[in-house]
Amino acid sequence: MYQAQRTSRSEFVPIRTLQYHVRVWGGPAPDKTPLVLLHGWMDVAASYQFVVDALNHNHYIIAPDWRGFGLTATTEADNFWFPDYLADLDFLLDHYVPHGPIHLVGHSMGGNVAMIYAGIRPERIRRLVNLEGFGMPATRPTQASGRYASWMDSLKKLHQGDMDLSAYDTVEGVANRLMKTNTRLGADKANWLARHWAQETVHGQWRILGNPAHKVPHAMLYRLEEVQALYGAITAPTLMVEAEDESMTQWFKGKFTLKEHHERIKVVPNLKMAHVADAGHMVHHDQPQVLASLIDDFLLNS
């Protein structure tokens, strides 16, 4: 099994009625800008361990489990709203870094949160890194009726138990699931991740640490004009990292393309692009050393 080189500690912080689980590496110091890592959908903060181990510098790192993921429990929730992630992050930063800016890194959904937050609170971000956080297809007002109907129908399916996440008989079963989803993921890392991505129940099964309500589609339309206005308000130097394996075609079926994404992010004032070879969407698992070098160089030299 993978052996972590840098040990994290778990902290629980009261945030907006929740006990937010936060994984912390290192500690604050006057000469350190805190590095905040935001994980993606159906992932956990511990997912960054491989990158943390590969970083050359002794950063003070703060990585929350988003509400309904990992050890941040939300048993009563039956759907999730994007603005809540923004408010949760704001409260967390008030707790950990009440004064001064941070470096902010986000993967996938976390990358989308990071970009929007950086446009809302530009003064809080010194450097911004977006790992495969592409946004969503543009929508039209005429789609609102269908979107609300889909949301309500999915809520009914959730409460009928039709959207429950699979349970596994062994932790090895969880690891195999991770490797099936990402064929580049080795057994050593998969077995380590499985113990953070899932938890053993009193009945001996392993349950994924994700609320199935995350599978309920958002009720609100994705407003591209609003998003681009927020992108344009970002003041921090920004690094957009893309993996060699392009996954947007599979996800969006032509409704949103990589070319459209590149057009959108042109409004970000101080933007650099980086590409990681031999990597898919889970770039922080596939090439942690390469990604760590990109992050270290960008934080120090941009």
C-alpha atoms as a PDB file:
ATOM      1  CA  MET A   1       0.000   0.000   0.000  1.00  0.00           C
ATOM      2  CA  TYR A   2       1.055   3.586  -0.620  1.00  0.00           C
ATOM      3  CA  GLN A   3       2.953   5.135   2.293  1.00  0.00           C
ATOM      4  CA  ALA A   4       2.163   8.794   2.916  1.00  0.00           C
ATOM      5  CA  GLN A   5       5.297  10.925   3.314  1.00  0.00           C
ATOM      6  CA  ARG A   6       3.652  13.877   5.014  1.00  0.00           C
ATOM      7  CA  THR A   7       1.173  13.249   7.793  1.00  0.00           C
ATOM      8  CA  SER A   8      -2.041  15.232   7.940  1.00  0.00           C
ATOM      9  CA  ARG A   9      -4.278  15.873  10.907  1.00  0.00           C
ATOM     10  CA  SER A  10      -8.070  15.890  10.932  1.00  0.00           C
ATOM     11  CA  GLU A  11      -9.915  18.861  12.350  1.00  0.00           C
ATOM     12  CA  PHE A  12     -13.649  19.489  12.686  1.00  0.00           C
ATOM     13  CA  VAL A  13     -14.766  23.095  12.383  1.00  0.00           C
ATOM     14  CA  PRO A  14     -18.314  24.365  13.065  1.00  0.00           C
ATOM     15  CA  ILE A  15     -19.417  25.918   9.779  1.00  0.00           C
ATOM     16  CA  ARG A  16     -23.030  26.919   9.051  1.00  0.00           C
ATOM     17  CA  THR A  17     -24.699  24.203  11.190  1.00  0.00           C
ATOM     18  CA  LEU A  18     -22.201  21.543  10.025  1.00  0.00           C
ATOM     19  CA  GLN A  19     -19.123  20.019  11.603  1.00  0.00           C
ATOM     20  CA  TYR A  20     -16.808  20.498   8.643  1.00  0.00           C
ATOM     21  CA  HIS A  21     -13.987  17.995   8.328  1.00  0.00           C
ATOM     22  CA  VAL A  22     -10.721  19.604   7.265  1.00  0.00           C
ATOM     23  CA  ARG A  23      -7.429  17.868   6.556  1.00  0.00           C
ATOM     24  CA  VAL A  24      -4.392  19.982   7.472  1.00  0.00           C
ATOM     25  CA  TRP A  25      -0.728  19.507   6.648  1.00  0.00           C
ATOM     26  CA  GLY A  26       1.862  21.660   8.403  1.00  0.00           C
ATOM     27  CA  GLY A  27       1.082  24.841  10.243  1.00  0.00           C
ATOM     28  CA  PRO A  28       0.919  28.608   9.809  1.00  0.00           C
ATOM     29  CA  ALA A  29       4.039  30.752   9.723  1.00  0.00           C
ATOM     30  CA  PRO A  30       4.648  34.456   8.969  1.00  0.00           C
ATOM     31  CA  ASP A  31       6.514  33.629   5.762  1.00  0.00           C
ATOM     32  CA  LYS A  32       3.940  31.125   4.442  1.00  0.00           C
ATOM     33  CA  THR A  33       0.929  31.864   2.279  1.00  0.00           C
ATOM     34  CA  PRO A  34      -1.614  29.134   3.153  1.00  0.00           C
ATOM     35  CA  LEU A  35      -2.387  26.713   0.336  1.00  0.00           C
ATOM     36  CA  VAL A  36      -6.055  25.670   0.183  1.00  0.00           C
ATOM     37  CA  LEU A  37      -6.940  22.543  -1.813  1.00  0.00           C
ATOM     38  CA  LEU A  38     -10.529  21.930  -2.975  1.00  0.00           C
ATOM     39  CA  HIS A  39     -11.520  18.441  -4.114  1.00  0.00           C
ATOM     40  CA  GLY A  40     -13.994  17.512  -6.833  1.00  0.00           C
ATOM     41  CA  TRP A  41     -17.332  15.740  -7.033  1.00  0.00           C
ATOM     42  CA  MET A  42     -17.425  12.322  -5.341  1.00  0.00           C
ATOM     43  CA  ASP A  43     -13.920  12.806  -4.012  1.00  0.00           C
ATOM     44  CA  VAL A  44     -12.364  13.676  -0.639  1.00  0.00           C
ATOM     45  CA  ALA A  45      -9.662  15.978   0.695  1.00  0.00           C
ATOM     46  CA  ALA A  46      -7.288  13.056   1.289  1.00  0.00           C
ATOM     47  CA  SER A  47      -7.226  12.604  -2.485  1.00  0.00           C
ATOM     48  CA  TYR A  48      -4.514  15.295  -2.605  1.00  0.00           C
ATOM     49  CA  GLN A  49      -2.072  13.254  -0.480  1.00  0.00           C
ATOM     50  CA  PHE A  50       0.034  12.150  -3.457  1.00  0.00           C
ATOM     51  CA  VAL A  51       0.491  15.747  -4.629  1.00  0.00           C
ATOM     52  CA  VAL A  52       1.193  16.987  -1.095  1.00  0.00           C
ATOM     53  CA  ASP A  53       3.930  14.367  -0.768  1.00  0.00           C
ATOM     54  CA  ALA A  54       5.477  15.507  -4.058  1.00  0.00           C
ATOM     55  CA  LEU A  55       5.563  19.246  -3.299  1.00  0.00           C
ATOM     56  CA  ASN A  56       9.098  20.564  -2.830  1.00  0.00           C
ATOM     57  CA  HIS A  57       8.178  23.241  -0.328  1.00  0.00           C
ATOM     58  CA  ASN A  58       6.832  22.888   3.182  1.00  0.00           C
ATOM     59  CA  HIS A  59       3.463  24.526   2.623  1.00  0.00           C
ATOM     60  CA  TYR A  60       0.763  25.125   5.222  1.00  0.00           C
ATOM     61  CA  ILE A  61      -2.066  23.192   3.531  1.00  0.00           C
ATOM     62  CA  ILE A  62      -5.788  23.282   4.296  1.00  0.00           C
ATOM     63  CA  ALA A  63      -8.117  20.856   2.487  1.00  0.00           C
ATOM     64  CA  PRO A  64     -11.806  20.525   3.441  1.00  0.00           C
ATOM     65  CA  ASP A  65     -14.160  17.663   2.719  1.00  0.00           C
ATOM     66  CA  TRP A  66     -17.048  19.451   0.999  1.00  0.00           C
ATOM     67  CA  ARG A  67     -20.473  19.153   2.642  1.00  0.00           C
ATOM     68  CA  GLY A  68     -21.846  15.670   1.993  1.00  0.00           C
ATOM     69  CA  PHE A  69     -18.445  14.192   1.135  1.00  0.00           C
ATOM     70  CA  GLY A  70     -15.818  12.467   3.230  1.00  0.00           C
ATOM     71  CA  LEU A  71     -16.310  13.083   6.931  1.00  0.00           C
ATOM     72  CA  THR A  72     -18.407  16.242   6.564  1.00  0.00           C
ATOM     73  CA  ALA A  73     -21.756  14.608   7.199  1.00  0.00           C
ATOM     74  CA  THR A  74     -25.036  16.036   5.896  1.00  0.00           C
ATOM     75  CA  THR A  75     -27.490  13.240   6.626  1.00  0.00           C
ATOM     76  CA  GLU A  76     -30.565  15.468   6.367  1.00  0.00           C
ATOM     77  CA  ALA A  77     -29.776  16.995   2.949  1.00  0.00           C
ATOM     78  CA  ASP A  78     -31.645  15.765  -0.103  1.00  0.00           C
ATOM     79  CA  ASN A  79     -29.982  18.094  -2.630  1.00  0.00           C
ATOM     80  CA  PHE A  80     -27.032  20.473  -2.809  1.00  0.00           C
ATOM     81  CA  TRP A  81     -26.732  24.045  -4.067  1.00  0.00           C
ATOM     82  CA  PHE A  82     -23.581  25.460  -5.643  1.00  0.00           C
ATOM     83  CA  PRO A  83     -23.670  28.758  -3.682  1.00  0.00           C
ATOM     84  CA  ASP A  84     -23.335  26.761  -0.457  1.00  0.00           C
ATOM     85  CA  TYR A  85     -19.835  25.674  -1.461  1.00  0.00           C
ATOM     86  CA  LEU A  86     -18.876  29.328  -1.919  1.00  0.00           C
ATOM     87  CA  ALA A  87     -20.238  30.312   1.498  1.00  0.00           C
ATOM     88  CA  ASP A  88     -18.659  27.260   3.153  1.00  0.00           C
ATOM     89  CA  LEU A  89     -15.272  28.219   1.721  1.00  0.00           C
ATOM     90  CA  ASP A  90     -15.688  31.814   2.864  1.00  0.00           C
ATOM     91  CA  PHE A  91     -16.481  30.721   6.427  1.00  0.00           C
ATOM     92  CA  LEU A  92     -13.568  28.263   6.430  1.00  0.00           C
ATOM     93  CA  LEU A  93     -11.153  30.965   5.342  1.00  0.00           C
ATOM     94  CA  ASP A  94     -12.476  33.258   8.072  1.00  0.00           C
ATOM     95  CA  HIS A  95     -11.607  30.474  10.525  1.00  0.00           C
ATOM     96  CA  TYR A  96      -8.160  29.477   9.227  1.00  0.00           C
ATOM     97  CA  VAL A  97      -6.895  32.627   7.497  1.00  0.00           C
ATOM     98  CA  PRO A  98      -8.787  35.637   8.848  1.00  0.00           C
ATOM     99  CA  HIS A  99      -6.066  38.003   7.616  1.00  0.00           C
ATOM    100  CA  GLY A 100      -4.058  37.908   4.425  1.00  0.00           C
ATOM    101  CA  PRO A 101      -4.439  36.102   1.102  1.00  0.00           C
ATOM    102  CA  ILE A 102      -4.227  32.414   0.207  1.00  0.00           C
ATOM    103  CA  HIS A 103      -3.153  30.267  -2.698  1.00  0.00           C
ATOM    104  CA  LEU A 104      -6.225  28.405  -3.959  1.00  0.00           C
ATOM    105  CA  VAL A 105      -6.183  25.115  -5.908  1.00  0.00           C
ATOM    106  CA  GLY A 106      -9.343  23.312  -7.023  1.00  0.00           C
ATOM    107  CA  HIS A 107      -9.967  20.126  -8.986  1.00  0.00           C
ATOM    108  CA  SER A 108     -13.038  19.587 -11.208  1.00  0.00           C
ATOM    109  CA  MET A 109     -16.046  20.798  -9.185  1.00  0.00           C
ATOM    110  CA  GLY A 110     -13.562  22.314  -6.738  1.00  0.00           C
ATOM    111  CA  GLY A 111     -11.921  24.127  -9.656  1.00  0.00           C
ATOM    112  CA  ASN A 112     -15.270  25.648 -10.577  1.00  0.00           C
ATOM    113  CA  VAL A 113     -15.814  26.749  -6.975  1.00  0.00           C
ATOM    114  CA  ALA A 114     -12.304  28.230  -6.885  1.00  0.00           C
ATOM    115  CA  MET A 115     -12.825  30.251 -10.078  1.00  0.00           C
ATOM    116  CA  ILE A 116     -16.165  31.684  -8.983  1.00  0.00           C
ATOM    117  CA  TYR A 117     -14.926  32.436  -5.472  1.00  0.00           C
ATOM    118  CA  ALA A 118     -11.850  34.204  -6.865  1.00  0.00           C
ATOM    119  CA  GLY A 119     -14.180  36.516  -8.797  1.00  0.00           C
ATOM    120  CA  ILE A 120     -16.291  37.219  -5.709  1.00  0.00           C
ATOM    121  CA  ARG A 121     -13.424  37.723  -3.241  1.00  0.00           C
ATOM    122  CA  PRO A 122     -10.461  38.649  -5.466  1.00  0.00           C
ATOM    123  CA  GLU A 123      -8.596  40.268  -2.584  1.00  0.00           C
ATOM    124  CA  ARG A 124      -8.349  36.922  -0.772  1.00  0.00           C
ATOM    125  CA  ILE A 125      -6.535  35.044  -3.550  1.00  0.00           C
ATOM    126  CA  ARG A 126      -2.817  35.456  -4.270  1.00  0.00           C
ATOM    127  CA  ARG A 127      -2.486  32.593  -6.786  1.00  0.00           C
ATOM    128  CA  LEU A 128      -5.244  30.479  -8.363  1.00  0.00           C
ATOM    129  CA  VAL A 129      -4.848  27.002  -9.887  1.00  0.00           C
ATOM    130  CA  ASN A 130      -7.739  25.293 -11.694  1.00  0.00           C
ATOM    131  CA  LEU A 131      -7.283  21.548 -12.306  1.00  0.00           C
ATOM    132  CA  GLU A 132      -9.732  20.375 -14.961  1.00  0.00           C
ATOM    133  CA  GLY A 133     -12.555  22.606 -13.720  1.00  0.00           C
ATOM    134  CA  PHE A 134     -14.372  23.339 -16.971  1.00  0.00           C
ATOM    135  CA  GLY A 135     -17.734  24.749 -15.950  1.00  0.00           C
ATOM    136  CA  MET A 136     -21.012  23.571 -17.465  1.00  0.00           C
ATOM    137  CA  PRO A 137     -22.857  23.860 -20.786  1.00  0.00           C
ATOM    138  CA  ALA A 138     -24.528  27.222 -21.381  1.00  0.00           C
ATOM    139  CA  THR A 139     -28.292  27.249 -20.887  1.00  0.00           C
ATOM    140  CA  ARG A 140     -31.281  29.203 -22.187  1.00  0.00           C
ATOM    141  CA  PRO A 141     -34.253  30.502 -20.153  1.00  0.00           C
ATOM    142  CA  THR A 142     -36.560  28.199 -22.135  1.00  0.00           C
ATOM    143  CA  GLN A 143     -34.840  25.230 -20.480  1.00  0.00           C
ATOM    144  CA  ALA A 144     -35.984  26.260 -16.994  1.00  0.00           C
ATOM    145  CA  SER A 145     -39.212  24.239 -17.003  1.00  0.00           C
ATOM    146  CA  GLY A 146     -37.444  21.019 -17.939  1.00  0.00           C
ATOM    147  CA  ARG A 147     -34.654  21.641 -15.442  1.00  0.00           C
ATOM    148  CA  TYR A 148     -37.065  22.146 -12.534  1.00  0.00           C
ATOM    149  CA  ALA A 149     -39.045  19.070 -13.556  1.00  0.00           C
ATOM    150  CA  SER A 150     -35.866  16.973 -13.726  1.00  0.00           C
ATOM    151  CA  TRP A 151     -34.839  18.221 -10.292  1.00  0.00           C
ATOM    152  CA  MET A 152     -38.193  17.327  -8.730  1.00  0.00           C
ATOM    153  CA  ASP A 153     -38.313  13.914 -10.434  1.00  0.00           C
ATOM    154  CA  SER A 154     -34.796  13.140  -9.170  1.00  0.00           C
ATOM    155  CA  LEU A 155     -35.767  14.110  -5.629  1.00  0.00           C
ATOM    156  CA  LYS A 156     -38.568  11.553  -5.766  1.00  0.00           C
ATOM    157  CA  LYS A 157     -36.153   8.870  -7.001  1.00  0.00           C
ATOM    158  CA  LEU A 158     -33.752   9.735  -4.206  1.00  0.00           C
ATOM    159  CA  HIS A 159     -36.407   9.375  -1.511  1.00  0.00           C
ATOM    160  CA  GLN A 160     -37.511   6.068  -3.032  1.00  0.00           C
ATOM    161  CA  GLY A 161     -33.949   4.774  -2.644  1.00  0.00           C
ATOM    162  CA  ASP A 162     -33.312   4.579  -6.387  1.00  0.00           C
ATOM    163  CA  MET A 163     -30.168   6.728  -6.232  1.00  0.00           C
ATOM    164  CA  ASP A 164     -28.344   5.048  -3.365  1.00  0.00           C
ATOM    165  CA  LEU A 165     -24.618   4.525  -3.767  1.00  0.00           C
ATOM    166  CA  SER A 166     -23.258   0.997  -4.021  1.00  0.00           C
ATOM    167  CA  ALA A 167     -21.825  -0.702  -0.944  1.00  0.00           C
ATOM    168  CA  TYR A 168     -18.843  -3.052  -1.158  1.00  0.00           C
ATOM    169  CA  ASP A 169     -18.142  -6.239   0.774  1.00  0.00           C
ATOM    170  CA  THR A 170     -14.467  -5.411   1.263  1.00  0.00           C
ATOM    171  CA  VAL A 171     -12.160  -2.409   1.094  1.00  0.00           C
ATOM    172  CA  GLU A 172     -10.430  -4.196  -1.773  1.00  0.00           C
ATOM    173  CA  GLY A 173     -13.732  -3.975  -3.639  1.00  0.00           C
ATOM    174  CA  VAL A 174     -13.635  -0.206  -3.224  1.00  0.00           C
ATOM    175  CA  ALA A 175     -10.056  -0.115  -4.481  1.00  0.00           C
ATOM    176  CA  ASN A 176     -11.010  -2.190  -7.516  1.00  0.00           C
ATOM    177  CA  ARG A 177     -13.836   0.233  -8.242  1.00  0.00           C
ATOM    178  CA  LEU A 178     -11.403   3.146  -8.153  1.00  0.00           C
ATOM    179  CA  MET A 179      -9.019   1.369 -10.520  1.00  0.00           C
ATOM    180  CA  LYS A 180     -11.874   0.492 -12.885  1.00  0.00           C
ATOM    181  CA  THR A 181     -12.879   4.150 -13.060  1.00  0.00           C
ATOM    182  CA  ASN A 182      -9.277   5.293 -13.518  1.00  0.00           C
ATOM    183  CA  THR A 183      -7.152   2.686 -15.262  1.00  0.00           C
ATOM    184  CA  ARG A 184      -3.958   4.664 -14.561  1.00  0.00           C
ATOM    185  CA  LEU A 185      -4.428   4.325 -10.803  1.00  0.00           C
ATOM    186  CA  GLY A 186      -2.074   1.732  -9.337  1.00  0.00           C
ATOM    187  CA  ALA A 187      -3.129  -0.784  -6.696  1.00  0.00           C
ATOM    188  CA  ASP A 188      -0.924   0.846  -4.044  1.00  0.00           C
ATOM    189  CA  LYS A 189      -2.626   4.239  -4.365  1.00  0.00           C
ATOM    190  CA  ALA A 190      -6.084   2.698  -4.859  1.00  0.00           C
ATOM    191  CA  ASN A 191      -5.850   0.696  -1.639  1.00  0.00           C
ATOM    192  CA  TRP A 192      -4.721   3.787   0.259  1.00  0.00           C
ATOM    193  CA  LEU A 193      -7.467   5.962  -1.227  1.00  0.00           C
ATOM    194  CA  ALA A 194     -10.173   3.355  -0.618  1.00  0.00           C
ATOM    195  CA  ARG A 195      -9.728   3.737   3.144  1.00  0.00           C
ATOM    196  CA  HIS A 196     -10.422   7.465   2.883  1.00  0.00           C
ATOM    197  CA  TRP A 197     -13.022   7.310   0.118  1.00  0.00           C
ATOM    198  CA  ALA A 198     -15.165   4.768   1.994  1.00  0.00           C
ATOM    199  CA  GLN A 199     -15.874   3.682   5.555  1.00  0.00           C
ATOM    200  CA  GLU A 200     -16.677   0.304   7.067  1.00  0.00           C
ATOM    201  CA  THR A 201     -20.207  -0.040   8.486  1.00  0.00           C
ATOM    202  CA  VAL A 202     -21.281  -1.960  11.586  1.00  0.00           C
ATOM    203  CA  HIS A 203     -22.426  -4.723   9.217  1.00  0.00           C
ATOM    204  CA  GLY A 204     -18.955  -5.122   7.745  1.00  0.00           C
ATOM    205  CA  GLN A 205     -19.630  -3.503   4.377  1.00  0.00           C
ATOM    206  CA  TRP A 206     -17.754  -0.527   2.995  1.00  0.00           C
ATOM    207  CA  ARG A 207     -19.905   2.535   2.286  1.00  0.00           C
ATOM    208  CA  ILE A 208     -18.799   5.349  -0.023  1.00  0.00           C
ATOM    209  CA  LEU A 209     -18.402   8.615   1.899  1.00  0.00           C
ATOM    210  CA  GLY A 210     -20.674  10.610  -0.360  1.00  0.00           C
ATOM    211  CA  ASN A 211     -24.288  11.633   0.096  1.00  0.00           C
ATOM    212  CA  PRO A 212     -26.345  10.198  -2.810  1.00  0.00           C
ATOM    213  CA  ALA A 213     -28.200  13.526  -2.964  1.00  0.00           C
ATOM    214  CA  HIS A 214     -25.178  14.827  -4.865  1.00  0.00           C
ATOM    215  CA  LYS A 215     -26.570  12.872  -7.821  1.00  0.00           C
ATOM    216  CA  VAL A 216     -29.667  15.095  -7.910  1.00  0.00           C
ATOM    217  CA  PRO A 217     -29.203  17.633 -10.751  1.00  0.00           C
ATOM    218  CA  HIS A 218     -29.129  21.313  -9.901  1.00  0.00           C
ATOM    219  CA  ALA A 219     -32.499  23.055 -10.095  1.00  0.00           C
ATOM    220  CA  MET A 220     -31.063  26.318 -11.396  1.00  0.00           C
ATOM    221  CA  LEU A 221     -29.770  26.986 -14.895  1.00  0.00           C
ATOM    222  CA  TYR A 222     -26.069  27.665 -15.496  1.00  0.00           C
ATOM    223  CA  ARG A 223     -25.890  31.353 -16.381  1.00  0.00           C
ATOM    224  CA  LEU A 224     -22.866  31.817 -18.615  1.00  0.00           C
ATOM    225  CA  GLU A 225     -22.978  35.622 -18.636  1.00  0.00           C
ATOM    226  CA  GLU A 226     -22.831  35.666 -14.835  1.00  0.00           C
ATOM    227  CA  VAL A 227     -19.956  33.181 -14.759  1.00  0.00           C
ATOM    228  CA  GLN A 228     -17.909  35.130 -17.281  1.00  0.00           C
ATOM    229  CA  ALA A 229     -18.459  38.363 -15.374  1.00  0.00           C
ATOM    230  CA  LEU A 230     -17.020  36.636 -12.308  1.00  0.00           C
ATOM    231  CA  TYR A 231     -14.107  35.221 -14.324  1.00  0.00           C
ATOM    232  CA  GLY A 232     -13.348  38.734 -15.513  1.00  0.00           C
ATOM    233  CA  ALA A 233     -13.220  39.986 -11.916  1.00  0.00           C
ATOM    234  CA  ILE A 234     -10.387  37.588 -10.970  1.00  0.00           C
ATOM    235  CA  THR A 235      -7.214  39.526 -10.151  1.00  0.00           C
ATOM    236  CA  ALA A 236      -4.908  36.679  -9.093  1.00  0.00           C
ATOM    237  CA  PRO A 237      -2.500  35.106 -11.578  1.00  0.00           C
ATOM    238  CA  THR A 238      -4.346  31.975 -12.700  1.00  0.00           C
ATOM    239  CA  LEU A 239      -3.066  28.616 -13.947  1.00  0.00           C
ATOM    240  CA  MET A 240      -5.438  26.372 -15.892  1.00  0.00           C
ATOM    241  CA  VAL A 241      -4.208  22.754 -15.910  1.00  0.00           C
ATOM    242  CA  GLU A 242      -5.610  20.305 -18.456  1.00  0.00           C
ATOM    243  CA  ALA A 243      -4.883  16.577 -18.771  1.00  0.00           C
ATOM    244  CA  GLU A 244      -3.838  14.985 -22.036  1.00  0.00           C
ATOM    245  CA  ASP A 245      -6.944  12.769 -22.099  1.00  0.00           C
ATOM    246  CA  GLU A 246      -9.848  15.075 -22.943  1.00  0.00           C
ATOM    247  CA  SER A 247     -12.959  13.965 -21.044  1.00  0.00           C
ATOM    248  CA  MET A 248     -15.449  16.676 -21.976  1.00  0.00           C
ATOM    249  CA  THR A 249     -16.745  14.839 -25.039  1.00  0.00           C
ATOM    250  CA  GLN A 250     -17.736  11.881 -22.861  1.00  0.00           C
ATOM    251  CA  TRP A 251     -19.376  14.069 -20.229  1.00  0.00           C
ATOM    252  CA  PHE A 252     -21.252  16.622 -22.289  1.00  0.00           C
ATOM    253  CA  LYS A 253     -21.948  14.776 -25.566  1.00  0.00           C
ATOM    254  CA  GLY A 254     -21.176  17.835 -27.678  1.00  0.00           C
ATOM    255  CA  LYS A 255     -23.184  20.292 -25.538  1.00  0.00           C
ATOM    256  CA  PHE A 256     -19.969  21.861 -24.268  1.00  0.00           C
ATOM    257  CA  THR A 257     -16.550  21.446 -25.864  1.00  0.00           C
ATOM    258  CA  LEU A 258     -12.948  22.118 -24.906  1.00  0.00           C
ATOM    259  CA  LYS A 259     -12.809  24.788 -27.612  1.00  0.00           C
ATOM    260  CA  GLU A 260     -15.778  26.590 -26.021  1.00  0.00           C
ATOM    261  CA  HIS A 261     -14.091  26.373 -22.629  1.00  0.00           C
ATOM    262  CA  HIS A 262     -10.944  27.978 -24.029  1.00  0.00           C
ATOM    263  CA  GLU A 263     -13.039  30.815 -25.434  1.00  0.00           C
ATOM    264  CA  ARG A 264     -14.740  31.366 -22.085  1.00  0.00           C
ATOM    265  CA  ILE A 265     -11.582  31.626 -20.005  1.00  0.00           C
ATOM    266  CA  LYS A 266     -10.034  34.261 -22.284  1.00  0.00           C
ATOM    267  CA  VAL A 267     -11.756  36.821 -20.040  1.00  0.00           C
ATOM    268  CA  VAL A 268      -9.539  35.804 -17.084  1.00  0.00           C
ATOM    269  CA  PRO A 269      -7.088  38.726 -16.969  1.00  0.00           C
ATOM    270  CA  ASN A 270      -3.800  36.977 -16.038  1.00  0.00           C
ATOM    271  CA  LEU A 271      -4.091  33.402 -17.313  1.00  0.00           C
ATOM    272  CA  LYS A 272      -1.545  30.700 -18.052  1.00  0.00           C
ATOM    273  CA  MET A 273      -2.243  27.244 -19.462  1.00  0.00           C
ATOM    274  CA  ALA A 274      -0.482  23.969 -18.699  1.00  0.00           C
ATOM    275  CA  HIS A 275      -0.998  20.457 -20.073  1.00  0.00           C
ATOM    276  CA  VAL A 276      -0.075  17.215 -18.313  1.00  0.00           C
ATOM    277  CA  ALA A 277       0.854  14.259 -20.499  1.00  0.00           C
ATOM    278  CA  ASP A 278      -0.181  10.675 -19.747  1.00  0.00           C
ATOM    279  CA  ALA A 279      -3.014  11.808 -17.461  1.00  0.00           C
ATOM    280  CA  GLY A 280      -6.797  11.808 -17.361  1.00  0.00           C
ATOM    281  CA  HIS A 281      -9.297  13.860 -15.395  1.00  0.00           C
ATOM    282  CA  MET A 282      -7.881  12.630 -12.052  1.00  0.00           C
ATOM    283  CA  VAL A 283      -4.619  14.329 -12.878  1.00  0.00           C
ATOM    284  CA  HIS A 284      -3.652  14.605  -9.191  1.00  0.00           C
ATOM    285  CA  HIS A 285      -3.667  10.799  -9.021  1.00  0.00           C
ATOM    286  CA  ASP A 286      -2.147  10.110 -12.422  1.00  0.00           C
ATOM    287  CA  GLN A 287       0.825  12.491 -12.355  1.00  0.00           C
ATOM    288  CA  PRO A 288       1.248  13.876  -8.816  1.00  0.00           C
ATOM    289  CA  GLN A 289       4.953  14.667  -9.244  1.00  0.00           C
ATOM    290  CA  VAL A 290       4.384  16.604 -12.479  1.00  0.00           C
ATOM    291  CA  LEU A 291       1.436  18.459 -10.995  1.00  0.00           C
ATOM    292  CA  ALA A 292       3.324  19.274  -7.796  1.00  0.00           C
ATOM    293  CA  SER A 293       6.175  20.766  -9.846  1.00  0.00           C
ATOM    294  CA  LEU A 294       3.703  22.879 -11.839  1.00  0.00           C
ATOM    295  CA  ILE A 295       2.077  24.158  -8.649  1.00  0.00           C
ATOM    296  CA  ASP A 296       5.372  24.873  -6.870  1.00  0.00           C
ATOM    297  CA  ASP A 297       6.761  26.754  -9.863  1.00  0.00           C
ATOM    298  CA  PHE A 298       3.574  28.752 -10.392  1.00  0.00           C
ATOM    299  CA  LEU A 299       3.233  29.768  -6.731  1.00  0.00           C
ATOM    300  CA  LEU A 300       6.866  30.886  -6.514  1.00  0.00           C
ATOM    301  CA  ASN A 301       7.522  32.403  -9.939  1.00  0.00           C
ATOM    302  CA  SER A 302       4.280  33.756 -11.426  1.00  0.00           C
END
